[in-house]
Amino acid sequence: MLSWFRALMPREDRFFDMFDAHAKTVVGAAEALEKVLAGGPDLEKHCDRIVELEDKADHITAEVLLAVRKSFITPFDRGDIKDLIQSLDDAIDMMHKTVKTIRLFEQKSFDPGMQEMGAIIVKAAHLVSEAIPQLNKIGTNAPRLNAIAEEVMRIEGRADELHEKGLKGLFQRHGASSPMAYMIGSELYGELEKVVDRFEDVANEISGIVIENV
């Protein structure tokens, strides 16, 4: 009777399938954001791609939260599952917010510092995507998971540097002559920095899961 009941419940490995699917949407959105920041004639197409992926990510997040409520067995603590998927979702949500700002102010070209932030966002996304499947065997993969978390944190430190340098450059170019240009640029730098912050949140969740399960 118990085996029949458990067979009806979401499988434990389904969580990793859903985590992996979400991580892929995050990578896709990060790569599209890097292309947006390169400017060019396909900018709107790449913005649309981010919007599409953010919607897909929302559906995956909802599936995970439903599975947490229904599952007889979960691979690790239910609260950690919810926090992990929410932190992943926050990263792509922040990319979507950045797209909204770009469209609102009709931005077509971007500072080299913003473009470098786009590149490190892609790097952070790929690191997180590498880490997610390894949570299936936390004990075996703990060293690599910890190394990934540390690398994401170093990336966040670089994003802080680019943010500060970018604001200073904006002020020097536009502070007195074009306050609106300064405001728009500072908003974009701030949102890109928050995208990287969200990846740091994911890394912290991964580190916490490793600590609790090793």
N, C-alpha and C. Protein backbone atom coordinates (compact mmCIF):
# COMPACT_ATOMS: atom_id res chain seq x y z
N MET A 1 0.83 -1.20 0.00
CA MET A 1 0.00 0.00 0.00
C MET A 1 0.87 1.26 0.00
N LEU A 2 1.93 1.24 0.82
CA LEU A 2 2.81 2.40 0.91
C LEU A 2 3.53 2.62 -0.42
N SER A 3 4.00 1.53 -1.05
CA SER A 3 4.71 1.69 -2.32
C SER A 3 3.79 2.25 -3.40
N TRP A 4 2.55 1.84 -3.38
CA TRP A 4 1.58 2.36 -4.34
C TRP A 4 1.35 3.85 -4.12
N PHE A 5 1.26 4.26 -2.84
CA PHE A 5 1.06 5.66 -2.50
C PHE A 5 2.24 6.50 -2.96
N ARG A 6 3.45 6.01 -2.70
CA ARG A 6 4.65 6.75 -3.07
C ARG A 6 4.79 6.86 -4.58
N ALA A 7 4.32 5.83 -5.30
CA ALA A 7 4.41 5.87 -6.76
C ALA A 7 3.58 7.00 -7.36
N LEU A 8 2.56 7.42 -6.63
CA LEU A 8 1.70 8.49 -7.12
C LEU A 8 2.29 9.88 -6.85
N MET A 9 3.25 9.93 -5.94
CA MET A 9 3.83 11.20 -5.55
C MET A 9 4.96 11.59 -6.50
N PRO A 10 5.25 12.90 -6.61
CA PRO A 10 6.36 13.33 -7.47
C PRO A 10 7.66 12.64 -7.07
N ARG A 11 8.42 12.15 -8.05
CA ARG A 11 9.67 11.48 -7.76
C ARG A 11 10.71 12.47 -7.26
N GLU A 12 11.62 11.95 -6.44
CA GLU A 12 12.69 12.79 -5.91
C GLU A 12 13.53 13.38 -7.04
N ASP A 13 13.80 12.55 -8.08
CA ASP A 13 14.66 13.04 -9.15
C ASP A 13 13.99 14.11 -10.01
N ARG A 14 12.69 14.23 -9.92
CA ARG A 14 12.00 15.28 -10.66
C ARG A 14 12.48 16.67 -10.24
N PHE A 15 12.83 16.81 -8.97
CA PHE A 15 13.31 18.11 -8.50
C PHE A 15 14.56 18.51 -9.28
N PHE A 16 15.47 17.58 -9.50
CA PHE A 16 16.70 17.91 -10.22
C PHE A 16 16.42 18.20 -11.69
N ASP A 17 15.45 17.51 -12.26
CA ASP A 17 15.05 17.83 -13.63
C ASP A 17 14.54 19.27 -13.71
N MET A 18 13.73 19.65 -12.73
CA MET A 18 13.16 21.00 -12.74
C MET A 18 14.22 22.06 -12.42
N PHE A 19 15.10 21.76 -11.47
CA PHE A 19 16.20 22.68 -11.18
C PHE A 19 17.04 22.91 -12.44
N ASP A 20 17.35 21.81 -13.13
CA ASP A 20 18.18 21.91 -14.33
C ASP A 20 17.47 22.71 -15.42
N ALA A 21 16.18 22.47 -15.57
CA ALA A 21 15.42 23.22 -16.59
C ALA A 21 15.41 24.71 -16.26
N HIS A 22 15.27 25.04 -14.99
CA HIS A 22 15.27 26.45 -14.61
C HIS A 22 16.64 27.07 -14.83
N ALA A 23 17.69 26.34 -14.45
CA ALA A 23 19.04 26.85 -14.64
C ALA A 23 19.32 27.13 -16.12
N LYS A 24 18.78 26.30 -16.99
CA LYS A 24 18.97 26.52 -18.44
C LYS A 24 18.26 27.80 -18.90
N THR A 25 17.10 28.10 -18.32
CA THR A 25 16.44 29.36 -18.68
C THR A 25 17.28 30.55 -18.22
N VAL A 26 17.90 30.42 -17.07
CA VAL A 26 18.75 31.50 -16.54
C VAL A 26 19.96 31.71 -17.45
N VAL A 27 20.59 30.62 -17.88
CA VAL A 27 21.73 30.74 -18.80
C VAL A 27 21.29 31.39 -20.11
N GLY A 28 20.17 30.94 -20.64
CA GLY A 28 19.67 31.52 -21.89
C GLY A 28 19.40 33.00 -21.76
N ALA A 29 18.80 33.40 -20.64
CA ALA A 29 18.51 34.82 -20.43
C ALA A 29 19.79 35.62 -20.26
N ALA A 30 20.77 35.06 -19.56
CA ALA A 30 22.05 35.76 -19.38
C ALA A 30 22.74 35.97 -20.72
N GLU A 31 22.73 34.95 -21.57
CA GLU A 31 23.36 35.08 -22.88
C GLU A 31 22.62 36.10 -23.75
N ALA A 32 21.29 36.12 -23.63
CA ALA A 32 20.52 37.11 -24.38
C ALA A 32 20.80 38.52 -23.86
N LEU A 33 20.96 38.66 -22.54
CA LEU A 33 21.26 39.97 -21.96
C LEU A 33 22.61 40.48 -22.45
N GLU A 34 23.59 39.59 -22.54
CA GLU A 34 24.90 40.00 -23.05
C GLU A 34 24.76 40.53 -24.48
N LYS A 35 23.92 39.89 -25.28
CA LYS A 35 23.70 40.34 -26.66
C LYS A 35 22.94 41.66 -26.69
N VAL A 36 22.01 41.85 -25.77
CA VAL A 36 21.31 43.14 -25.67
C VAL A 36 22.33 44.25 -25.43
N LEU A 37 23.24 44.01 -24.50
CA LEU A 37 24.21 45.04 -24.11
C LEU A 37 25.24 45.31 -25.20
N ALA A 38 25.33 44.40 -26.18
CA ALA A 38 26.20 44.65 -27.33
C ALA A 38 25.57 45.65 -28.29
N GLY A 39 24.26 45.93 -28.12
CA GLY A 39 23.56 46.83 -29.02
C GLY A 39 23.30 46.15 -30.35
N GLY A 40 23.06 46.93 -31.38
CA GLY A 40 22.88 46.38 -32.70
C GLY A 40 21.41 46.20 -33.08
N PRO A 41 21.17 45.78 -34.31
CA PRO A 41 19.80 45.73 -34.85
C PRO A 41 18.92 44.66 -34.22
N ASP A 42 19.52 43.64 -33.59
CA ASP A 42 18.73 42.55 -33.02
C ASP A 42 18.43 42.75 -31.53
N LEU A 43 18.67 43.95 -31.04
CA LEU A 43 18.48 44.20 -29.61
C LEU A 43 17.08 43.81 -29.13
N GLU A 44 16.05 44.21 -29.86
CA GLU A 44 14.68 43.92 -29.43
C GLU A 44 14.40 42.43 -29.44
N LYS A 45 14.95 41.73 -30.39
CA LYS A 45 14.76 40.28 -30.45
C LYS A 45 15.33 39.62 -29.19
N HIS A 46 16.48 40.08 -28.75
CA HIS A 46 17.11 39.51 -27.56
C HIS A 46 16.33 39.90 -26.30
N CYS A 47 15.78 41.11 -26.29
CA CYS A 47 14.91 41.50 -25.17
C CYS A 47 13.69 40.58 -25.09
N ASP A 48 13.09 40.31 -26.24
CA ASP A 48 11.93 39.41 -26.28
C ASP A 48 12.29 38.03 -25.75
N ARG A 49 13.49 37.59 -26.07
CA ARG A 49 13.93 36.27 -25.61
C ARG A 49 14.00 36.22 -24.09
N ILE A 50 14.49 37.26 -23.48
CA ILE A 50 14.57 37.31 -22.01
C ILE A 50 13.17 37.27 -21.40
N VAL A 51 12.24 38.02 -21.98
CA VAL A 51 10.86 38.03 -21.48
C VAL A 51 10.26 36.63 -21.59
N GLU A 52 10.50 35.97 -22.71
CA GLU A 52 9.98 34.61 -22.93
C GLU A 52 10.55 33.63 -21.90
N LEU A 53 11.85 33.72 -21.67
CA LEU A 53 12.50 32.80 -20.73
C LEU A 53 12.08 33.08 -19.30
N GLU A 54 11.88 34.34 -18.97
CA GLU A 54 11.44 34.67 -17.61
C GLU A 54 10.06 34.08 -17.34
N ASP A 55 9.18 34.11 -18.33
CA ASP A 55 7.86 33.50 -18.18
C ASP A 55 7.98 31.99 -18.00
N LYS A 56 8.85 31.37 -18.78
CA LYS A 56 9.06 29.92 -18.65
C LYS A 56 9.61 29.58 -17.26
N ALA A 57 10.54 30.40 -16.77
CA ALA A 57 11.12 30.18 -15.45
C ALA A 57 10.07 30.28 -14.35
N ASP A 58 9.14 31.21 -14.50
CA ASP A 58 8.06 31.35 -13.51
C ASP A 58 7.23 30.08 -13.43
N HIS A 59 6.95 29.47 -14.59
CA HIS A 59 6.16 28.24 -14.61
C HIS A 59 6.92 27.09 -13.94
N ILE A 60 8.23 27.02 -14.18
CA ILE A 60 9.03 25.97 -13.54
C ILE A 60 9.06 26.17 -12.03
N THR A 61 9.22 27.42 -11.60
CA THR A 61 9.21 27.71 -10.17
C THR A 61 7.91 27.27 -9.52
N ALA A 62 6.80 27.55 -10.18
CA ALA A 62 5.50 27.14 -9.66
C ALA A 62 5.41 25.62 -9.56
N GLU A 63 5.96 24.91 -10.55
CA GLU A 63 5.96 23.44 -10.52
C GLU A 63 6.76 22.93 -9.33
N VAL A 64 7.91 23.54 -9.09
CA VAL A 64 8.75 23.10 -7.96
C VAL A 64 8.02 23.31 -6.64
N LEU A 65 7.42 24.47 -6.47
CA LEU A 65 6.72 24.75 -5.21
C LEU A 65 5.53 23.81 -5.01
N LEU A 66 4.85 23.47 -6.10
CA LEU A 66 3.75 22.50 -6.00
C LEU A 66 4.29 21.12 -5.64
N ALA A 67 5.41 20.73 -6.26
CA ALA A 67 6.00 19.42 -5.97
C ALA A 67 6.47 19.32 -4.53
N VAL A 68 6.97 20.42 -3.98
CA VAL A 68 7.39 20.42 -2.57
C VAL A 68 6.22 20.09 -1.66
N ARG A 69 5.06 20.66 -1.99
CA ARG A 69 3.87 20.42 -1.16
C ARG A 69 3.36 18.99 -1.30
N LYS A 70 3.53 18.40 -2.49
CA LYS A 70 2.94 17.10 -2.75
C LYS A 70 3.88 15.92 -2.51
N SER A 71 5.18 16.18 -2.46
CA SER A 71 6.15 15.09 -2.44
C SER A 71 6.19 14.37 -1.10
N PHE A 72 6.27 13.05 -1.18
CA PHE A 72 6.45 12.23 0.02
C PHE A 72 7.90 12.30 0.48
N ILE A 73 8.81 12.34 -0.50
CA ILE A 73 10.25 12.42 -0.22
C ILE A 73 10.83 13.56 -1.03
N THR A 74 11.72 14.34 -0.43
CA THR A 74 12.44 15.39 -1.14
C THR A 74 13.94 15.14 -1.00
N PRO A 75 14.75 15.58 -1.97
CA PRO A 75 16.19 15.28 -1.94
C PRO A 75 16.93 15.95 -0.79
N PHE A 76 16.45 17.10 -0.36
CA PHE A 76 16.97 17.76 0.83
C PHE A 76 15.85 18.61 1.42
N ASP A 77 16.18 19.38 2.43
CA ASP A 77 15.17 20.11 3.20
C ASP A 77 14.21 20.90 2.30
N ARG A 78 12.93 20.83 2.61
CA ARG A 78 11.92 21.51 1.79
C ARG A 78 12.15 23.02 1.74
N GLY A 79 12.52 23.58 2.87
CA GLY A 79 12.80 25.02 2.89
C GLY A 79 13.96 25.38 2.00
N ASP A 80 14.99 24.52 1.95
CA ASP A 80 16.15 24.77 1.08
C ASP A 80 15.75 24.67 -0.38
N ILE A 81 14.87 23.74 -0.70
CA ILE A 81 14.40 23.61 -2.08
C ILE A 81 13.69 24.89 -2.51
N LYS A 82 12.79 25.37 -1.65
CA LYS A 82 12.05 26.60 -1.99
C LYS A 82 12.99 27.79 -2.11
N ASP A 83 13.95 27.90 -1.20
CA ASP A 83 14.88 29.04 -1.25
C ASP A 83 15.77 28.97 -2.48
N LEU A 84 16.20 27.75 -2.87
CA LEU A 84 17.06 27.61 -4.03
C LEU A 84 16.33 28.01 -5.31
N ILE A 85 15.14 27.49 -5.51
CA ILE A 85 14.42 27.80 -6.75
C ILE A 85 14.02 29.27 -6.77
N GLN A 86 13.71 29.84 -5.61
CA GLN A 86 13.33 31.25 -5.58
C GLN A 86 14.53 32.15 -5.88
N SER A 87 15.70 31.76 -5.40
CA SER A 87 16.89 32.58 -5.68
C SER A 87 17.25 32.50 -7.16
N LEU A 88 17.09 31.33 -7.78
CA LEU A 88 17.28 31.22 -9.22
C LEU A 88 16.29 32.11 -9.97
N ASP A 89 15.05 32.07 -9.51
CA ASP A 89 14.02 32.86 -10.18
C ASP A 89 14.25 34.35 -10.01
N ASP A 90 14.78 34.74 -8.85
CA ASP A 90 15.08 36.16 -8.62
C ASP A 90 16.14 36.66 -9.61
N ALA A 91 17.08 35.79 -9.99
CA ALA A 91 18.13 36.19 -10.93
C ALA A 91 17.54 36.53 -12.30
N ILE A 92 16.67 35.66 -12.79
CA ILE A 92 16.09 35.93 -14.11
C ILE A 92 15.06 37.05 -14.04
N ASP A 93 14.37 37.18 -12.90
CA ASP A 93 13.45 38.32 -12.72
C ASP A 93 14.20 39.64 -12.82
N MET A 94 15.42 39.68 -12.25
CA MET A 94 16.20 40.92 -12.29
C MET A 94 16.66 41.22 -13.70
N MET A 95 16.97 40.18 -14.47
CA MET A 95 17.31 40.41 -15.88
C MET A 95 16.11 40.98 -16.63
N HIS A 96 14.94 40.46 -16.33
CA HIS A 96 13.71 40.97 -16.97
C HIS A 96 13.50 42.44 -16.60
N LYS A 97 13.74 42.78 -15.34
CA LYS A 97 13.59 44.16 -14.91
C LYS A 97 14.57 45.07 -15.66
N THR A 98 15.77 44.58 -15.90
CA THR A 98 16.76 45.36 -16.65
C THR A 98 16.27 45.62 -18.08
N VAL A 99 15.67 44.60 -18.68
CA VAL A 99 15.10 44.77 -20.03
C VAL A 99 14.01 45.83 -20.02
N LYS A 100 13.17 45.83 -19.00
CA LYS A 100 12.11 46.84 -18.90
C LYS A 100 12.70 48.24 -18.86
N THR A 101 13.79 48.41 -18.11
CA THR A 101 14.44 49.72 -18.03
C THR A 101 15.02 50.12 -19.38
N ILE A 102 15.67 49.19 -20.04
CA ILE A 102 16.25 49.46 -21.37
C ILE A 102 15.16 49.90 -22.34
N ARG A 103 14.04 49.23 -22.30
CA ARG A 103 12.95 49.58 -23.21
C ARG A 103 12.27 50.89 -22.81
N LEU A 104 12.12 51.09 -21.52
CA LEU A 104 11.48 52.31 -21.04
C LEU A 104 12.23 53.55 -21.52
N PHE A 105 13.56 53.51 -21.42
CA PHE A 105 14.38 54.67 -21.79
C PHE A 105 14.95 54.57 -23.20
N GLU A 106 14.48 53.55 -23.95
CA GLU A 106 14.84 53.39 -25.37
C GLU A 106 16.35 53.42 -25.58
N GLN A 107 17.04 52.64 -24.76
CA GLN A 107 18.49 52.58 -24.87
C GLN A 107 18.93 51.65 -26.01
N LYS A 108 19.85 52.11 -26.80
CA LYS A 108 20.33 51.35 -27.95
C LYS A 108 21.83 51.05 -27.89
N SER A 109 22.54 51.79 -27.06
CA SER A 109 23.98 51.56 -26.91
C SER A 109 24.34 51.59 -25.43
N PHE A 110 25.44 50.92 -25.08
CA PHE A 110 25.76 50.70 -23.68
C PHE A 110 27.25 50.85 -23.44
N ASP A 111 27.59 51.33 -22.24
CA ASP A 111 28.98 51.52 -21.85
C ASP A 111 29.75 50.20 -21.91
N PRO A 112 31.07 50.27 -22.17
CA PRO A 112 31.90 49.06 -22.09
C PRO A 112 31.80 48.38 -20.72
N GLY A 113 31.66 49.18 -19.66
CA GLY A 113 31.52 48.60 -18.33
C GLY A 113 30.25 47.77 -18.20
N MET A 114 29.16 48.24 -18.80
CA MET A 114 27.91 47.47 -18.79
C MET A 114 28.08 46.18 -19.58
N GLN A 115 28.80 46.27 -20.70
CA GLN A 115 29.02 45.08 -21.51
C GLN A 115 29.88 44.06 -20.77
N GLU A 116 30.86 44.53 -20.01
CA GLU A 116 31.67 43.61 -19.21
C GLU A 116 30.82 42.97 -18.12
N MET A 117 29.91 43.74 -17.54
CA MET A 117 29.00 43.16 -16.54
C MET A 117 28.12 42.08 -17.18
N GLY A 118 27.71 42.33 -18.44
CA GLY A 118 26.95 41.30 -19.14
C GLY A 118 27.75 40.02 -19.29
N ALA A 119 29.03 40.15 -19.59
CA ALA A 119 29.89 38.98 -19.76
C ALA A 119 30.05 38.20 -18.45
N ILE A 120 30.20 38.90 -17.34
CA ILE A 120 30.37 38.17 -16.08
C ILE A 120 29.05 37.60 -15.57
N ILE A 121 27.94 38.19 -15.97
CA ILE A 121 26.64 37.60 -15.67
C ILE A 121 26.51 36.25 -16.37
N VAL A 122 26.96 36.18 -17.63
CA VAL A 122 26.95 34.89 -18.35
C VAL A 122 27.83 33.88 -17.62
N LYS A 123 29.00 34.31 -17.17
CA LYS A 123 29.90 33.40 -16.46
C LYS A 123 29.25 32.89 -15.18
N ALA A 124 28.62 33.78 -14.43
CA ALA A 124 27.95 33.37 -13.20
C ALA A 124 26.82 32.39 -13.49
N ALA A 125 26.07 32.65 -14.55
CA ALA A 125 24.95 31.77 -14.91
C ALA A 125 25.45 30.37 -15.26
N HIS A 126 26.55 30.29 -16.01
CA HIS A 126 27.09 28.98 -16.37
C HIS A 126 27.62 28.24 -15.14
N LEU A 127 28.23 28.96 -14.22
CA LEU A 127 28.71 28.32 -12.99
C LEU A 127 27.55 27.74 -12.19
N VAL A 128 26.49 28.50 -12.06
CA VAL A 128 25.31 28.02 -11.33
C VAL A 128 24.70 26.81 -12.04
N SER A 129 24.63 26.88 -13.36
CA SER A 129 24.08 25.77 -14.13
C SER A 129 24.94 24.51 -13.97
N GLU A 130 26.24 24.68 -13.83
CA GLU A 130 27.11 23.54 -13.56
C GLU A 130 26.86 22.96 -12.17
N ALA A 131 26.60 23.84 -11.21
CA ALA A 131 26.44 23.40 -9.83
C ALA A 131 25.14 22.63 -9.59
N ILE A 132 24.05 23.07 -10.21
CA ILE A 132 22.74 22.52 -9.89
C ILE A 132 22.66 21.00 -10.02
N PRO A 133 23.11 20.38 -11.13
CA PRO A 133 23.02 18.92 -11.21
C PRO A 133 23.87 18.20 -10.18
N GLN A 134 24.95 18.86 -9.74
CA GLN A 134 25.85 18.22 -8.78
C GLN A 134 25.24 18.12 -7.38
N LEU A 135 24.15 18.82 -7.14
CA LEU A 135 23.46 18.69 -5.86
C LEU A 135 22.81 17.31 -5.71
N ASN A 136 22.74 16.56 -6.81
CA ASN A 136 22.18 15.21 -6.76
C ASN A 136 23.07 14.27 -5.96
N LYS A 137 24.37 14.58 -5.88
CA LYS A 137 25.31 13.79 -5.08
C LYS A 137 26.18 14.77 -4.31
N ILE A 138 25.59 15.34 -3.28
CA ILE A 138 26.24 16.44 -2.57
C ILE A 138 27.56 16.02 -1.95
N GLY A 139 27.59 14.87 -1.30
CA GLY A 139 28.80 14.43 -0.62
C GLY A 139 29.97 14.29 -1.58
N THR A 140 29.74 13.64 -2.69
CA THR A 140 30.78 13.43 -3.69
C THR A 140 31.23 14.76 -4.31
N ASN A 141 30.28 15.63 -4.56
CA ASN A 141 30.55 16.85 -5.31
C ASN A 141 30.79 18.09 -4.44
N ALA A 142 30.85 17.91 -3.13
CA ALA A 142 30.98 19.06 -2.23
C ALA A 142 32.18 19.95 -2.56
N PRO A 143 33.36 19.40 -2.84
CA PRO A 143 34.50 20.30 -3.15
C PRO A 143 34.24 21.19 -4.36
N ARG A 144 33.70 20.61 -5.42
CA ARG A 144 33.43 21.42 -6.62
C ARG A 144 32.31 22.41 -6.36
N LEU A 145 31.29 22.01 -5.62
CA LEU A 145 30.19 22.93 -5.30
C LEU A 145 30.70 24.13 -4.50
N ASN A 146 31.58 23.87 -3.54
CA ASN A 146 32.14 24.97 -2.76
C ASN A 146 33.02 25.87 -3.62
N ALA A 147 33.76 25.27 -4.55
CA ALA A 147 34.61 26.07 -5.44
C ALA A 147 33.77 26.96 -6.35
N ILE A 148 32.66 26.42 -6.83
CA ILE A 148 31.76 27.22 -7.68
C ILE A 148 31.20 28.40 -6.90
N ALA A 149 30.76 28.13 -5.68
CA ALA A 149 30.20 29.20 -4.85
C ALA A 149 31.23 30.30 -4.63
N GLU A 150 32.47 29.92 -4.37
CA GLU A 150 33.52 30.91 -4.16
C GLU A 150 33.79 31.72 -5.43
N GLU A 151 33.74 31.07 -6.59
CA GLU A 151 33.98 31.77 -7.85
C GLU A 151 32.86 32.77 -8.13
N VAL A 152 31.62 32.38 -7.84
CA VAL A 152 30.51 33.31 -8.03
C VAL A 152 30.68 34.53 -7.12
N MET A 153 31.15 34.30 -5.92
CA MET A 153 31.36 35.42 -5.00
C MET A 153 32.47 36.35 -5.49
N ARG A 154 33.50 35.78 -6.12
CA ARG A 154 34.55 36.63 -6.71
C ARG A 154 33.97 37.45 -7.88
N ILE A 155 33.10 36.84 -8.64
CA ILE A 155 32.45 37.56 -9.74
C ILE A 155 31.62 38.71 -9.19
N GLU A 156 30.94 38.47 -8.08
CA GLU A 156 30.14 39.54 -7.47
C GLU A 156 31.03 40.70 -7.05
N GLY A 157 32.22 40.39 -6.55
CA GLY A 157 33.15 41.44 -6.19
C GLY A 157 33.59 42.26 -7.40
N ARG A 158 33.81 41.58 -8.52
CA ARG A 158 34.17 42.29 -9.76
C ARG A 158 33.01 43.17 -10.24
N ALA A 159 31.79 42.68 -10.08
CA ALA A 159 30.62 43.48 -10.47
C ALA A 159 30.53 44.75 -9.64
N ASP A 160 30.85 44.66 -8.35
CA ASP A 160 30.86 45.85 -7.50
C ASP A 160 31.87 46.88 -8.01
N GLU A 161 33.04 46.39 -8.42
CA GLU A 161 34.07 47.29 -8.95
C GLU A 161 33.59 47.97 -10.23
N LEU A 162 32.99 47.20 -11.13
CA LEU A 162 32.50 47.76 -12.39
C LEU A 162 31.37 48.76 -12.15
N HIS A 163 30.53 48.46 -11.18
CA HIS A 163 29.43 49.37 -10.82
C HIS A 163 29.98 50.71 -10.35
N GLU A 164 30.93 50.65 -9.44
CA GLU A 164 31.52 51.88 -8.90
C GLU A 164 32.25 52.67 -9.99
N LYS A 165 33.05 51.98 -10.79
CA LYS A 165 33.78 52.63 -11.87
C LYS A 165 32.83 53.22 -12.91
N GLY A 166 31.74 52.49 -13.20
CA GLY A 166 30.77 52.96 -14.18
C GLY A 166 30.07 54.22 -13.73
N LEU A 167 29.68 54.27 -12.46
CA LEU A 167 29.02 55.46 -11.93
C LEU A 167 29.94 56.68 -11.98
N LYS A 168 31.21 56.44 -11.66
CA LYS A 168 32.16 57.55 -11.70
C LYS A 168 32.32 58.08 -13.13
N GLY A 169 32.41 57.15 -14.08
CA GLY A 169 32.54 57.56 -15.48
C GLY A 169 31.31 58.31 -15.97
N LEU A 170 30.14 57.83 -15.58
CA LEU A 170 28.90 58.52 -15.95
C LEU A 170 28.87 59.94 -15.41
N PHE A 171 29.28 60.08 -14.17
CA PHE A 171 29.27 61.41 -13.55
C PHE A 171 30.24 62.36 -14.26
N GLN A 172 31.40 61.83 -14.61
CA GLN A 172 32.39 62.67 -15.29
C GLN A 172 31.88 63.11 -16.66
N ARG A 173 31.14 62.24 -17.34
CA ARG A 173 30.67 62.57 -18.69
C ARG A 173 29.36 63.36 -18.70
N HIS A 174 28.48 63.02 -17.75
CA HIS A 174 27.12 63.57 -17.84
C HIS A 174 26.64 64.31 -16.59
N GLY A 175 27.44 64.27 -15.52
CA GLY A 175 26.95 64.81 -14.25
C GLY A 175 26.45 66.24 -14.34
N ALA A 176 27.17 67.09 -15.07
CA ALA A 176 26.79 68.49 -15.16
C ALA A 176 25.98 68.79 -16.41
N SER A 177 26.30 68.09 -17.49
CA SER A 177 25.70 68.44 -18.79
C SER A 177 24.38 67.73 -19.08
N SER A 178 24.21 66.51 -18.57
CA SER A 178 23.02 65.74 -18.92
C SER A 178 22.60 64.86 -17.74
N PRO A 179 21.90 65.45 -16.76
CA PRO A 179 21.47 64.66 -15.60
C PRO A 179 20.62 63.45 -15.96
N MET A 180 19.82 63.54 -17.03
CA MET A 180 18.98 62.41 -17.43
C MET A 180 19.84 61.24 -17.90
N ALA A 181 20.87 61.51 -18.69
CA ALA A 181 21.77 60.45 -19.15
C ALA A 181 22.46 59.79 -17.96
N TYR A 182 22.85 60.62 -16.98
CA TYR A 182 23.47 60.06 -15.78
C TYR A 182 22.47 59.18 -15.03
N MET A 183 21.25 59.63 -14.90
CA MET A 183 20.24 58.87 -14.16
C MET A 183 19.96 57.52 -14.82
N ILE A 184 19.79 57.54 -16.15
CA ILE A 184 19.50 56.30 -16.87
C ILE A 184 20.68 55.32 -16.77
N GLY A 185 21.88 55.84 -16.98
CA GLY A 185 23.06 55.00 -16.90
C GLY A 185 23.25 54.40 -15.52
N SER A 186 23.04 55.21 -14.49
CA SER A 186 23.23 54.71 -13.13
C SER A 186 22.17 53.66 -12.78
N GLU A 187 20.96 53.83 -13.31
CA GLU A 187 19.91 52.84 -13.09
C GLU A 187 20.30 51.51 -13.71
N LEU A 188 20.83 51.55 -14.93
CA LEU A 188 21.22 50.32 -15.61
C LEU A 188 22.40 49.64 -14.90
N TYR A 189 23.39 50.43 -14.52
CA TYR A 189 24.50 49.84 -13.77
C TYR A 189 24.01 49.19 -12.48
N GLY A 190 23.09 49.86 -11.80
CA GLY A 190 22.57 49.33 -10.55
C GLY A 190 21.82 48.03 -10.75
N GLU A 191 21.03 47.96 -11.82
CA GLU A 191 20.26 46.74 -12.06
C GLU A 191 21.16 45.58 -12.49
N LEU A 192 22.17 45.86 -13.29
CA LEU A 192 23.11 44.81 -13.67
C LEU A 192 23.87 44.29 -12.44
N GLU A 193 24.23 45.20 -11.56
CA GLU A 193 24.91 44.78 -10.33
C GLU A 193 23.99 43.91 -9.47
N LYS A 194 22.69 44.23 -9.48
CA LYS A 194 21.74 43.42 -8.71
C LYS A 194 21.54 42.04 -9.31
N VAL A 195 21.66 41.93 -10.65
CA VAL A 195 21.60 40.60 -11.26
C VAL A 195 22.70 39.72 -10.68
N VAL A 196 23.92 40.27 -10.62
CA VAL A 196 25.04 39.50 -10.08
C VAL A 196 24.81 39.21 -8.59
N ASP A 197 24.24 40.14 -7.87
CA ASP A 197 23.91 39.90 -6.46
C ASP A 197 22.98 38.70 -6.31
N ARG A 198 22.02 38.57 -7.24
CA ARG A 198 21.09 37.45 -7.17
C ARG A 198 21.82 36.13 -7.39
N PHE A 199 22.84 36.13 -8.26
CA PHE A 199 23.63 34.92 -8.44
C PHE A 199 24.43 34.60 -7.18
N GLU A 200 24.88 35.63 -6.50
CA GLU A 200 25.55 35.39 -5.22
C GLU A 200 24.58 34.75 -4.23
N ASP A 201 23.32 35.17 -4.25
CA ASP A 201 22.31 34.55 -3.39
C ASP A 201 22.17 33.06 -3.70
N VAL A 202 22.18 32.72 -5.00
CA VAL A 202 22.11 31.31 -5.39
C VAL A 202 23.31 30.56 -4.84
N ALA A 203 24.49 31.16 -4.99
CA ALA A 203 25.71 30.52 -4.49
C ALA A 203 25.64 30.30 -2.98
N ASN A 204 25.10 31.27 -2.27
CA ASN A 204 24.96 31.13 -0.82
C ASN A 204 23.98 30.01 -0.46
N GLU A 205 22.90 29.88 -1.24
CA GLU A 205 21.96 28.78 -1.01
C GLU A 205 22.63 27.43 -1.23
N ILE A 206 23.41 27.36 -2.29
CA ILE A 206 24.13 26.10 -2.58
C ILE A 206 25.09 25.77 -1.46
N SER A 207 25.85 26.76 -0.99
CA SER A 207 26.78 26.55 0.11
C SER A 207 26.06 26.05 1.37
N GLY A 208 24.90 26.66 1.64
CA GLY A 208 24.13 26.25 2.81
C GLY A 208 23.64 24.81 2.70
N ILE A 209 23.21 24.42 1.52
CA ILE A 209 22.75 23.04 1.30
C ILE A 209 23.90 22.06 1.50
N VAL A 210 25.08 22.42 0.98
CA VAL A 210 26.25 21.55 1.17
C VAL A 210 26.57 21.39 2.64
N ILE A 211 26.58 22.51 3.37
CA ILE A 211 26.91 22.45 4.80
C ILE A 211 25.93 21.54 5.56
N GLU A 212 24.65 21.64 5.21
CA GLU A 212 23.63 20.88 5.94
C GLU A 212 23.60 19.40 5.58
N ASN A 213 24.19 19.05 4.43
CA ASN A 213 24.03 17.67 3.96
C ASN A 213 25.33 16.89 3.83
N VAL A 214 26.43 17.47 4.26
CA VAL A 214 27.72 16.77 4.21
C VAL A 214 28.22 16.48 5.62
